[in-house]
Protein backbone atom coordinates (compact mmCIF):
# COMPACT_ATOMS: atom_id res chain seq x y z
CA MET A 1 373.12 241.80 188.60
CA ARG A 2 372.22 245.38 188.63
CA GLU A 3 368.29 246.03 188.23
CA ASN A 4 367.05 248.75 185.90
CA PHE A 5 365.25 251.78 186.85
CA SER A 6 361.64 252.61 186.11
CA LEU A 7 362.22 256.17 185.79
CA ARG A 8 365.28 257.81 183.98
CA LEU A 9 367.56 259.64 186.33
CA LEU A 10 369.74 262.24 185.00
CA LEU A 11 372.20 264.24 187.62
CA VAL A 12 375.12 266.18 186.41
CA LEU A 13 377.75 266.66 189.27
CA VAL A 14 380.57 269.17 188.59
CA LEU A 15 383.61 267.20 189.75
CA ALA A 16 385.59 270.57 191.10
CA LEU A 17 383.32 270.10 194.38
CA ALA A 18 385.32 269.89 197.44
CA PRO A 19 386.47 266.25 198.43
CA VAL A 20 384.18 264.39 200.63
CA LEU A 21 386.78 263.69 203.41
CA GLY A 22 389.00 266.32 205.30
CA THR A 23 392.46 266.07 206.08
CA GLY A 24 391.96 264.36 209.49
CA GLN A 25 389.73 261.28 207.71
CA LEU A 26 392.71 261.15 204.77
CA ARG A 27 395.40 260.75 207.79
CA SER A 28 393.33 258.07 209.30
CA VAL A 29 392.83 256.33 206.05
CA ALA A 30 396.59 256.46 205.32
CA ALA A 31 397.71 254.85 208.58
CA GLU A 32 395.28 252.06 207.83
CA MET A 33 397.11 251.51 204.59
CA GLU A 34 400.10 250.52 206.49
CA THR A 35 398.24 247.31 207.79
CA VAL A 36 395.54 246.51 205.49
CA SER A 37 396.12 244.37 202.22
CA ILE A 38 395.42 246.51 199.48
CA PRO A 39 395.84 244.74 195.82
CA ASN A 40 397.14 246.54 193.12
CA PHE A 41 395.70 245.44 189.39
CA PHE A 42 397.32 247.83 187.30
CA ASP A 43 400.85 247.14 185.82
CA GLN A 44 402.84 249.79 186.90
CA ARG A 45 405.63 248.64 184.54
CA GLN A 46 403.74 250.33 181.91
CA ARG A 47 405.37 253.87 181.20
CA MET A 48 403.14 255.65 179.29
CA THR A 49 403.35 259.75 178.30
CA LYS A 50 400.94 262.16 179.31
CA PRO A 51 398.19 262.61 177.09
CA GLN A 52 397.14 266.04 175.67
CA LEU A 53 393.66 266.61 175.52
CA ASP A 54 393.26 269.99 174.83
CA GLY A 55 390.87 269.34 171.92
CA ARG A 56 388.24 268.11 174.36
CA GLN A 57 385.57 270.63 175.56
CA ARG A 58 384.50 268.22 178.09
CA ILE A 59 384.40 264.64 179.06
CA ARG A 60 381.21 263.26 180.14
CA PHE A 61 381.53 260.13 182.62
CA LEU A 62 378.10 257.82 182.84
CA THR A 63 377.31 255.88 185.75
CA THR A 64 374.21 255.01 187.83
CA THR A 65 373.10 255.47 191.39
CA ASP A 66 372.05 251.63 191.96
CA TYR A 67 375.45 250.09 192.73
CA PRO A 68 376.87 251.42 196.33
CA PRO A 69 379.44 251.68 197.48
CA PHE A 70 380.66 252.17 193.67
CA ASN A 71 378.18 254.60 193.02
CA PHE A 72 374.92 255.82 194.74
CA LEU A 73 373.19 258.74 196.21
CA ASP A 74 374.03 260.07 199.51
CA PRO A 75 371.68 261.09 202.05
CA ARG A 76 371.68 264.71 200.81
CA GLY A 77 370.83 263.08 197.14
CA ARG A 78 373.81 264.09 195.77
CA LEU A 79 376.22 261.45 193.58
CA ALA A 80 378.63 259.56 195.59
CA GLY A 81 380.94 256.80 195.76
CA PHE A 82 384.04 254.97 194.94
CA HIS A 83 383.68 255.67 190.98
CA VAL A 84 382.69 259.24 191.50
CA ASP A 85 385.99 259.87 193.34
CA LEU A 86 387.53 257.81 190.99
CA VAL A 87 386.47 260.12 188.02
CA ARG A 88 387.41 263.09 189.99
CA ALA A 89 391.13 261.83 190.56
CA ILE A 90 391.53 260.83 186.76
CA CYS A 91 390.18 264.25 185.51
CA GLU A 92 392.79 265.67 188.03
CA GLU A 93 395.51 263.75 186.58
CA LEU A 94 394.75 264.64 183.08
CA ASP A 95 394.32 268.49 184.14
CA VAL A 96 390.87 268.34 182.79
CA LEU A 97 388.93 268.78 186.19
CA SER A 98 387.00 271.91 185.12
CA ARG A 99 385.79 269.99 181.88
CA CYS A 100 384.92 266.78 183.37
CA GLN A 101 381.23 265.99 184.36
CA ILE A 102 379.61 262.76 185.84
CA GLU A 103 376.11 261.78 184.64
CA ALA A 104 373.50 259.42 186.40
CA MET A 105 371.24 257.28 184.49
CA ALA A 106 369.31 254.13 184.03
CA PHE A 107 371.84 251.30 183.43
CA LYS A 108 369.74 250.18 180.54
CA ASP A 109 370.36 253.83 179.02
CA LEU A 110 374.20 253.87 179.07
CA VAL A 111 375.48 252.12 176.10
CA PRO A 112 372.76 253.83 173.82
CA ALA A 113 374.25 257.33 175.20
CA VAL A 114 377.76 256.65 174.25
CA LYS A 115 376.55 255.36 170.92
CA ARG A 116 374.64 258.53 170.45
CA GLY A 117 377.51 260.83 171.58
CA ASP A 118 375.65 262.01 174.40
CA GLY A 119 378.64 260.78 177.02
CA ASP A 120 382.07 259.69 176.50
CA ALA A 121 383.09 257.27 178.90
CA ILE A 122 380.95 254.36 181.47
CA VAL A 123 382.31 254.26 184.53
CA VAL A 124 379.60 251.46 186.51
CA GLY A 125 381.29 247.99 186.48
CA LEU A 126 379.78 247.09 183.08
CA ALA A 127 381.02 243.63 182.29
CA MET A 128 383.53 242.92 179.38
CA THR A 129 381.81 240.22 177.68
CA PRO A 130 382.06 239.19 173.65
CA THR A 131 379.15 241.17 173.41
CA THR A 132 380.30 244.26 175.26
CA ARG A 133 383.53 244.21 173.35
CA GLN A 134 381.84 244.46 170.01
CA GLU A 135 379.92 247.78 170.96
CA LEU A 136 382.53 249.42 173.31
CA ALA A 137 386.63 249.71 173.90
CA PHE A 138 387.35 249.40 177.39
CA THR A 139 390.61 250.55 179.62
CA GLU A 140 392.63 248.32 181.29
CA PRO A 141 390.79 246.64 184.51
CA TYR A 142 391.15 248.73 187.62
CA PHE A 143 389.50 246.22 190.19
CA ARG A 144 388.89 242.46 190.20
CA TYR A 145 386.21 240.57 192.83
CA PRO A 146 387.76 238.07 194.99
CA ALA A 147 386.33 234.85 195.85
CA ARG A 148 386.74 234.42 199.44
CA PHE A 149 386.21 231.50 202.27
CA VAL A 150 384.53 232.84 205.62
CA THR A 151 384.44 230.70 208.80
CA ARG A 152 383.70 231.15 212.12
CA LYS A 153 386.31 232.57 214.25
CA ASP A 154 387.09 229.32 216.17
CA ARG A 155 387.39 227.28 212.85
CA GLN A 156 389.81 228.98 210.81
CA PHE A 157 391.38 226.89 207.91
CA PRO A 158 395.17 226.63 208.43
CA GLU A 159 397.30 226.58 205.53
CA PRO A 160 397.58 225.05 202.93
CA VAL A 161 393.96 225.91 202.50
CA ALA A 162 393.67 223.18 199.66
CA GLU A 163 394.16 220.57 201.72
CA ALA A 164 392.25 221.89 204.72
CA THR A 165 389.22 222.14 202.84
CA ALA A 166 389.07 218.58 202.04
CA GLY A 167 385.84 216.73 203.15
CA ARG A 168 384.51 219.91 205.02
CA SER A 169 381.17 221.14 204.32
CA ILE A 170 381.08 224.66 202.32
CA GLY A 171 378.26 226.42 201.73
CA VAL A 172 377.78 228.24 198.07
CA GLU A 173 374.82 229.84 196.52
CA GLU A 174 373.31 227.15 194.21
CA GLY A 175 373.94 227.56 190.61
CA SER A 176 376.40 230.35 190.96
CA ALA A 177 379.68 231.16 189.86
CA HIS A 178 381.43 230.64 192.98
CA ALA A 179 379.79 227.17 193.45
CA ALA A 180 381.22 226.26 190.22
CA MET A 181 384.57 227.97 191.20
CA LEU A 182 384.76 225.85 194.29
CA GLY A 183 384.28 222.58 192.25
CA ALA A 184 387.18 223.42 190.07
CA PHE A 185 389.50 224.85 192.83
CA PHE A 186 388.76 222.84 195.76
CA PRO A 187 387.58 219.26 194.32
CA SER A 188 387.91 217.85 197.68
CA ALA A 189 385.54 219.95 199.52
CA ALA A 190 382.25 218.91 200.14
CA PRO A 191 379.92 221.70 198.69
CA ARG A 192 376.49 222.23 200.34
CA PRO A 193 374.48 224.42 198.00
CA PHE A 194 371.97 227.21 199.58
CA ALA A 195 369.26 228.82 197.80
CA THR A 196 370.27 232.16 199.03
CA ARG A 197 373.44 233.63 200.62
CA ARG A 198 371.62 234.49 203.58
CA ASP A 199 370.55 231.12 204.47
CA ALA A 200 374.17 229.80 204.09
CA LEU A 201 375.36 232.66 206.44
CA GLU A 202 372.98 231.59 209.02
CA ALA A 203 374.00 228.13 208.83
CA LEU A 204 377.51 229.04 209.30
CA LYS A 205 376.93 231.02 212.13
CA ASN A 206 375.00 228.38 213.50
CA GLY A 207 377.85 225.92 213.18
CA GLU A 208 375.96 223.80 210.50
CA ILE A 209 378.53 224.18 207.75
CA ASP A 210 382.36 224.59 208.35
CA ALA A 211 382.70 227.93 205.70
CA PHE A 212 380.98 229.75 202.94
CA PHE A 213 382.65 230.37 199.54
CA GLY A 214 381.57 233.58 197.71
CA ASP A 215 382.04 237.08 196.65
CA GLY A 216 384.97 238.87 198.86
CA VAL A 217 383.62 242.18 198.62
CA GLY A 218 380.17 241.57 199.68
CA LEU A 219 381.28 239.30 202.36
CA SER A 220 383.76 241.92 203.84
CA PHE A 221 380.54 244.11 204.49
CA TRP A 222 378.75 241.34 206.22
CA LEU A 223 381.61 240.75 208.31
CA GLU A 224 381.11 244.21 209.75
CA SER A 225 377.49 244.32 209.80
CA ASP A 226 375.09 243.18 212.84
CA SER A 227 373.81 240.24 210.87
CA ALA A 228 377.27 238.93 211.51
CA ALA A 229 377.09 239.06 215.07
CA ASP A 230 381.44 239.30 215.14
CA CYS A 231 381.19 235.39 214.65
CA CYS A 232 383.21 235.04 211.45
CA VAL A 233 386.68 236.22 209.85
CA PHE A 234 388.18 235.35 206.16
CA SER A 235 389.99 232.34 205.76
CA GLY A 236 392.57 232.05 203.04
CA GLY A 237 392.33 233.78 199.88
CA PRO A 238 392.03 235.81 198.22
CA TYR A 239 391.33 233.84 194.76
CA LEU A 240 390.93 235.32 191.47
CA SER A 241 389.63 233.66 188.24
CA ASP A 242 388.91 235.49 184.70
CA ARG A 243 387.02 232.39 183.87
CA PHE A 244 384.39 232.17 186.70
CA LEU A 245 384.59 235.92 188.06
CA GLY A 246 385.17 237.63 184.89
CA GLU A 247 388.25 240.17 183.86
CA GLY A 248 387.45 242.87 186.57
CA LEU A 249 386.10 246.35 186.39
CA ALA A 250 387.09 248.88 183.30
CA ILE A 251 385.88 252.21 181.97
CA ALA A 252 384.27 251.81 178.67
CA VAL A 253 384.18 254.12 175.61
CA ALA A 254 383.26 254.48 172.27
CA PRO A 255 385.25 252.18 169.91
CA SER A 256 386.29 255.14 167.94
CA ASP A 257 387.60 256.93 171.09
CA ARG A 258 390.19 254.47 172.15
CA ALA A 259 392.55 257.52 172.88
CA LEU A 260 390.55 258.33 175.78
CA ALA A 261 390.94 254.95 176.95
CA ARG A 262 394.50 255.21 176.79
CA SER A 263 394.33 258.62 178.76
CA ILE A 264 392.42 257.04 181.43
CA ASP A 265 394.79 254.31 181.79
CA TYR A 266 397.72 256.54 181.99
CA ALA A 267 395.61 258.66 184.68
CA ILE A 268 394.98 255.49 186.88
CA GLY A 269 398.50 254.25 186.65
CA ARG A 270 399.53 257.66 188.12
CA ILE A 271 396.71 257.29 190.61
CA VAL A 272 398.06 253.61 191.67
CA GLU A 273 401.69 255.23 192.03
CA LYS A 274 400.51 257.73 194.44
CA LYS A 275 398.56 255.71 196.27
CA ARG A 276 395.63 257.32 195.91
CA PHE A 277 393.71 254.47 194.57
CA SER A 278 394.56 252.39 197.81
CA GLU A 279 393.05 255.59 199.52
CA LEU A 280 389.89 255.14 197.53
CA LEU A 281 389.61 251.65 198.24
CA LEU A 282 389.71 251.94 201.92
CA ARG A 283 387.39 254.94 201.92
CA TYR A 284 384.71 252.71 200.57
CA PHE A 285 385.90 249.48 201.46
CA PRO A 286 387.19 249.74 205.11
CA VAL A 287 387.45 246.00 205.57
CA SER A 288 389.55 244.69 202.61
CA ALA A 289 387.92 242.04 200.62
CA PHE A 290 391.96 240.77 199.74
């Protein structure tokens, strides 16, 4: 869950700015794509006609600055992140880059801003729930959070993981969606709840549990951190579930602006087809969560 800001922050970024990475770094990312597992959540069988947006003077995307690596402020105070670069790529595909803006504000202000007409699209990882679906329309999901097992390097699970986890002590955050998912997907495992993920991962490092089951994105960053001390690896998976983990990330628009949602779907489809989406994932998630 993200926390709301106490102060409203409004930043406007003109998306025609030069890309963050140079050509040398992009070549490095392209090379890494050959060896890293990268998911494709967008149905490329959908063949859509390129939309015409000539009637729009501008397209205003709304986000926050408190959700790294998706959206945050860089050391120079500039709005940055996966979502910022994704918006730039969307606008390039739609040939409206000069008319695109992205604004950052408090999370609580995003939906009211779209309702007032002070923004056109929310790109912040807003959950698709019955409540938000009554207030907004959504694009197709472009990213989903996987659940993953992490084990010590010397105790990796063999396949099939469902059998390998039988009777094994699996750490989970108490009361979390991942704890419930573990019970449903791996009923023979022996869950061991912890008050915090930090406590569970310390227990894993010390050999007190056989594995930890949790959010693959967060764990991908932990595996590369000093805290992990090169102790552990992903083992098995990834595991996806709408029931426990939600339908994924999508861009939200006003219910009356479904044409914009479909235009964004077209652009993301092209971005995926050209492998630009994979490049963005590796730029901000150098250790694949998948």
